[in-house]
Amino acid sequence: MTPADTSRPQRKVPEYVRIAGELRDQIKSGALAPHDTVPSAAGLCAQYGVSMITGKSALNLLRGEGLVYGVAGRGTFVSEIVPTIRTAPHRYFQQRERTYLHETEREGRTPTAEHSTREIRATDWTAQRLEISPGDDVVETTYLISADGRPMSQSVSWEPLAITGGTAIQHPHEGPHATGGLNTRFQVIGWSIEQVEEHLLVRRPTPEELAALAVPDGVSVVEVRQTVRATYDDRDDLVAVQAADIVFPADRYEFRYLMDRPR
């Protein structure tokens, strides 16, 4: 008796996925260089004998991966893939300027930052993140970070005034420590950053994020929900000193994690 074939039948790869795969291989091999023209949906229809919907789906798949970009009235082109590398958790414990300055300048780009700060009462969400009570006073700062004029991230952060109020770092962008990174700023008032907790969510951008970050159609965003904890004067108790929600377009960043073995 011949044994029954229990192997699962292979699923047929959709045409748009196959076409996108061939274009992806050409991009990664260099056959299609940065800013080269990519065949239009109509061109793919003629080349592969597929429908317009299939051609558009193939291009949308590549656009969602950040491999191509469209220019209205001109066509679709190969992206220049030079992602900014965001390295965690080591980035928070180094003695240097703000991390976004280092990360963009390392790629040979010029960073700019738009920011605004105000004092508010903590909402339930903010209080939960900072491990304080709703209604407690906090400093809220919003950021829009760009590199060579291209939006790279949008964020909002909160710091409890019970810790920073009346100190040299109460306002994150005023005084002699305005350009310092998180670790440097808090060391000024006796706090040492010891722990950074991050939750990463990959999701569709909101309409506001689409506009502010110029997110192409089909590209997701990565939201990092972050809580930073520190100790004061070498005590053991960890206290939340900052919380932040940071949104990155997925086509502009590479997230790199270095995790040392616990000692």
Protein backbone atom coordinates (compact mmCIF):
# COMPACT_ATOMS: atom_id res chain seq x y z
CA MET A 1 0.00 0.00 0.00
CA THR A 2 1.32 3.38 -0.91
CA PRO A 3 1.49 5.78 2.07
CA ALA A 4 -0.93 8.66 1.85
CA ASP A 5 0.65 12.00 1.02
CA THR A 6 0.00 14.12 4.11
CA SER A 7 2.00 17.12 2.95
CA ARG A 8 0.09 20.34 2.68
CA PRO A 9 -0.56 21.63 -0.83
CA GLN A 10 1.45 24.72 -1.62
CA ARG A 11 -0.57 27.88 -1.91
CA LYS A 12 -0.28 29.75 -5.15
CA VAL A 13 1.50 33.07 -4.71
CA PRO A 14 -0.75 35.96 -5.77
CA GLU A 15 0.37 37.66 -8.97
CA TYR A 16 0.87 41.06 -7.33
CA VAL A 17 3.15 39.48 -4.71
CA ARG A 18 5.21 37.74 -7.40
CA ILE A 19 5.55 40.95 -9.42
CA ALA A 20 6.50 42.94 -6.33
CA GLY A 21 9.07 40.26 -5.51
CA GLU A 22 10.75 40.60 -8.90
CA LEU A 23 10.90 44.39 -8.57
CA ARG A 24 12.18 44.06 -5.00
CA ASP A 25 15.00 41.79 -6.21
CA GLN A 26 15.95 44.35 -8.88
CA ILE A 27 16.02 47.14 -6.30
CA LYS A 28 18.11 45.19 -3.80
CA SER A 29 20.55 43.98 -6.46
CA GLY A 30 21.08 47.52 -7.74
CA ALA A 31 19.57 46.82 -11.15
CA LEU A 32 17.11 49.55 -10.21
CA ALA A 33 19.10 52.31 -8.53
CA PRO A 34 17.79 55.00 -6.14
CA HIS A 35 15.49 57.46 -7.96
CA ASP A 36 15.25 55.24 -11.05
CA THR A 37 11.78 55.08 -12.57
CA VAL A 38 9.72 52.03 -11.66
CA PRO A 39 7.18 50.74 -14.20
CA SER A 40 3.74 52.22 -13.69
CA ALA A 41 0.69 50.09 -12.93
CA ALA A 42 -0.21 50.31 -16.61
CA GLY A 43 3.33 49.29 -17.54
CA LEU A 44 3.15 46.28 -15.24
CA CYS A 45 -0.19 45.34 -16.82
CA ALA A 46 1.41 45.29 -20.26
CA GLN A 47 4.59 43.54 -19.11
CA TYR A 48 2.96 40.77 -17.08
CA GLY A 49 -0.47 40.55 -18.69
CA VAL A 50 -2.31 41.35 -15.46
CA SER A 51 -5.11 43.69 -14.46
CA MET A 52 -4.67 47.29 -13.39
CA ILE A 53 -5.69 46.33 -9.85
CA THR A 54 -2.87 43.75 -9.74
CA GLY A 55 -0.33 46.28 -11.00
CA LYS A 56 -1.41 48.85 -8.43
CA SER A 57 -1.34 46.25 -5.65
CA ALA A 58 2.26 45.32 -6.50
CA LEU A 59 3.35 48.96 -6.34
CA ASN A 60 1.42 49.53 -3.11
CA LEU A 61 3.18 46.56 -1.54
CA LEU A 62 6.60 48.02 -2.40
CA ARG A 63 5.49 51.46 -1.26
CA GLY A 64 4.43 50.02 2.08
CA GLU A 65 7.92 48.56 2.48
CA GLY A 66 9.47 51.95 1.77
CA LEU A 67 11.21 50.68 -1.37
CA VAL A 68 9.49 53.07 -3.79
CA TYR A 69 7.85 56.47 -3.64
CA GLY A 70 5.42 58.29 -5.89
CA VAL A 71 5.54 61.83 -7.25
CA ALA A 72 2.19 63.20 -8.41
CA GLY A 73 2.12 63.68 -12.17
CA ARG A 74 5.55 62.11 -12.67
CA GLY A 75 5.47 58.47 -11.63
CA THR A 76 6.95 55.99 -9.16
CA PHE A 77 10.65 55.88 -8.27
CA VAL A 78 13.08 53.78 -6.26
CA SER A 79 13.62 55.12 -2.75
CA GLU A 80 17.05 55.99 -1.47
CA ILE A 81 17.17 53.54 1.41
CA VAL A 82 19.27 55.13 4.13
CA PRO A 83 17.26 54.44 7.28
CA THR A 84 18.09 56.24 10.48
CA ILE A 85 19.20 53.65 13.02
CA ARG A 86 17.65 53.87 16.46
CA THR A 87 19.67 51.77 18.89
CA ALA A 88 18.16 50.79 22.23
CA PRO A 89 18.60 50.62 25.13
CA HIS A 90 22.17 51.93 25.12
CA ARG A 91 21.14 55.25 23.55
CA TYR A 92 19.64 56.42 26.84
CA PHE A 93 22.64 55.88 29.07
CA GLN A 94 25.31 57.68 27.06
CA GLN A 95 26.68 61.11 27.96
CA ARG A 96 25.90 63.15 24.89
CA GLU A 97 23.46 65.56 23.32
CA ARG A 98 19.89 64.62 22.57
CA THR A 99 19.72 61.22 20.90
CA TYR A 100 17.98 62.37 17.71
CA LEU A 101 20.89 64.77 17.03
CA HIS A 102 23.42 61.97 17.22
CA GLU A 103 21.37 59.50 15.18
CA THR A 104 20.65 61.84 12.27
CA GLU A 105 24.12 63.41 12.17
CA ARG A 106 25.63 59.92 12.13
CA GLU A 107 23.84 59.38 8.80
CA GLY A 108 25.26 62.65 7.43
CA ARG A 109 21.95 64.50 7.70
CA THR A 110 21.05 67.83 9.25
CA PRO A 111 18.48 67.51 12.05
CA THR A 112 15.93 70.14 13.00
CA ALA A 113 13.38 70.11 15.80
CA GLU A 114 10.14 71.98 16.32
CA HIS A 115 9.00 71.84 19.93
CA SER A 116 6.59 73.47 22.33
CA THR A 117 6.26 73.10 26.10
CA ARG A 118 3.50 73.83 28.57
CA GLU A 119 2.54 72.96 32.14
CA ILE A 120 -0.65 70.92 32.49
CA ARG A 121 -2.49 68.70 34.95
CA ALA A 122 -1.86 65.01 34.36
CA THR A 123 -4.68 63.16 32.63
CA ASP A 124 -5.52 59.61 33.67
CA TRP A 125 -3.37 58.33 30.79
CA THR A 126 -0.39 60.50 31.69
CA ALA A 127 -0.71 59.75 35.40
CA GLN A 128 -0.74 56.03 34.73
CA ARG A 129 2.39 56.31 32.60
CA LEU A 130 4.27 58.43 35.17
CA GLU A 131 2.93 56.44 38.14
CA ILE A 132 1.50 59.60 39.74
CA SER A 133 -2.02 60.79 40.57
CA PRO A 134 -4.40 62.31 37.99
CA GLY A 135 -4.31 66.09 38.31
CA ASP A 136 -0.67 66.25 39.39
CA ASP A 137 1.34 68.96 37.63
CA VAL A 138 3.49 67.87 34.69
CA VAL A 139 5.49 69.51 31.92
CA GLU A 140 4.32 68.42 28.47
CA THR A 141 6.56 68.86 25.42
CA THR A 142 5.62 68.07 21.82
CA TYR A 143 8.23 67.49 19.11
CA LEU A 144 8.44 67.22 15.35
CA ILE A 145 11.89 66.00 14.32
CA SER A 146 13.11 66.33 10.73
CA ALA A 147 16.30 65.39 8.87
CA ASP A 148 17.27 67.40 5.80
CA GLY A 149 13.76 68.81 5.87
CA ARG A 150 12.03 65.41 5.87
CA PRO A 151 9.82 64.65 8.90
CA MET A 152 11.24 61.72 10.87
CA SER A 153 9.22 61.49 14.08
CA GLN A 154 6.51 63.12 16.12
CA SER A 155 6.26 62.79 19.88
CA VAL A 156 4.88 64.09 23.14
CA SER A 157 6.64 63.69 26.49
CA TRP A 158 5.70 64.37 30.09
CA GLU A 159 7.86 65.03 33.16
CA PRO A 160 6.49 65.35 36.72
CA LEU A 161 6.94 68.81 38.19
CA ALA A 162 7.25 67.18 41.61
CA ILE A 163 10.72 66.17 40.40
CA THR A 164 11.80 68.92 37.99
CA GLY A 165 9.85 71.91 39.35
CA GLY A 166 12.09 74.76 40.51
CA THR A 167 15.24 73.09 39.15
CA ALA A 168 17.58 73.98 36.30
CA ILE A 169 15.86 71.42 34.04
CA GLN A 170 12.21 72.31 34.68
CA HIS A 171 11.85 73.48 31.08
CA PRO A 172 13.47 70.88 28.75
CA HIS A 173 14.58 73.54 26.26
CA GLU A 174 15.65 76.43 28.46
CA GLY A 175 18.74 77.10 30.52
CA PRO A 176 22.30 75.76 30.38
CA HIS A 177 21.20 72.13 29.95
CA ALA A 178 18.72 72.67 27.12
CA THR A 179 20.78 70.71 24.58
CA GLY A 180 21.65 67.84 26.90
CA GLY A 181 20.28 64.34 26.56
CA LEU A 182 17.93 62.80 29.10
CA ASN A 183 20.67 61.21 31.19
CA THR A 184 22.71 64.40 31.31
CA ARG A 185 19.74 66.58 32.24
CA PHE A 186 18.58 64.47 35.15
CA GLN A 187 22.08 63.94 36.52
CA VAL A 188 22.20 67.70 37.07
CA ILE A 189 19.52 67.36 39.78
CA GLY A 190 20.86 64.16 41.32
CA TRP A 191 18.92 61.52 39.38
CA SER A 192 20.49 58.60 37.50
CA ILE A 193 18.61 56.95 34.63
CA GLU A 194 18.49 53.22 35.39
CA GLN A 195 15.60 51.74 33.41
CA VAL A 196 13.77 52.40 30.15
CA GLU A 197 10.57 50.50 29.39
CA GLU A 198 9.29 50.55 25.81
CA HIS A 199 6.17 49.14 24.18
CA LEU A 200 6.21 49.05 20.37
CA LEU A 201 2.99 49.13 18.37
CA VAL A 202 2.85 48.89 14.57
CA ARG A 203 -0.34 50.48 13.28
CA ARG A 204 -1.91 52.62 10.61
CA PRO A 205 -1.21 56.35 10.94
CA THR A 206 -3.92 58.74 12.04
CA PRO A 207 -4.97 61.50 9.61
CA GLU A 208 -2.96 64.00 11.69
CA GLU A 209 0.15 61.80 11.51
CA LEU A 210 -0.28 61.30 7.76
CA ALA A 211 -0.12 65.07 7.30
CA ALA A 212 2.56 65.95 9.86
CA LEU A 213 4.95 63.13 8.92
CA ALA A 214 4.20 62.96 5.18
CA VAL A 215 3.53 59.23 5.42
CA PRO A 216 3.02 57.62 1.98
CA ASP A 217 -0.08 55.56 1.27
CA GLY A 218 0.27 52.03 2.59
CA VAL A 219 3.12 52.80 5.01
CA SER A 220 2.58 51.99 8.68
CA VAL A 221 3.93 53.85 11.68
CA VAL A 222 5.73 52.48 14.71
CA GLU A 223 4.56 53.97 17.99
CA VAL A 224 6.94 53.66 20.93
CA ARG A 225 5.33 54.12 24.33
CA GLN A 226 8.19 54.80 26.68
CA THR A 227 8.62 55.20 30.42
CA VAL A 228 11.99 56.25 31.86
CA ARG A 229 12.80 55.44 35.49
CA ALA A 230 15.65 56.74 37.63
CA THR A 231 17.08 56.55 41.12
CA TYR A 232 17.90 59.53 43.31
CA ASP A 233 21.19 59.96 45.14
CA ASP A 234 22.14 56.26 44.76
CA ARG A 235 18.94 55.00 46.40
CA ASP A 236 17.42 51.77 45.12
CA ASP A 237 13.85 52.94 44.46
CA LEU A 238 13.02 53.38 40.78
CA VAL A 239 10.89 56.44 40.05
CA ALA A 240 9.31 57.38 36.70
CA VAL A 241 10.85 60.69 35.59
CA GLN A 242 9.59 60.84 32.02
CA ALA A 243 6.99 59.20 29.78
CA ALA A 244 6.73 59.68 26.04
CA ASP A 245 4.71 58.55 23.04
CA ILE A 246 6.89 58.63 19.91
CA VAL A 247 5.64 57.94 16.37
CA PHE A 248 8.00 56.95 13.53
CA PRO A 249 7.09 56.32 9.87
CA ALA A 250 8.10 52.72 9.25
CA ASP A 251 9.87 53.57 5.98
CA ARG A 252 12.42 55.86 7.65
CA TYR A 253 13.79 53.97 10.63
CA GLU A 254 15.63 50.79 11.49
CA PHE A 255 15.11 49.68 15.08
CA ARG A 256 18.20 48.01 16.48
CA TYR A 257 18.33 46.41 19.94
CA LEU A 258 21.50 45.49 21.81
CA MET A 259 20.68 43.24 24.75
CA ASP A 260 23.50 42.27 27.08
CA ARG A 261 23.28 39.08 29.07
CA PRO A 262 22.16 39.82 32.66
CA ARG A 263 25.01 39.69 35.15
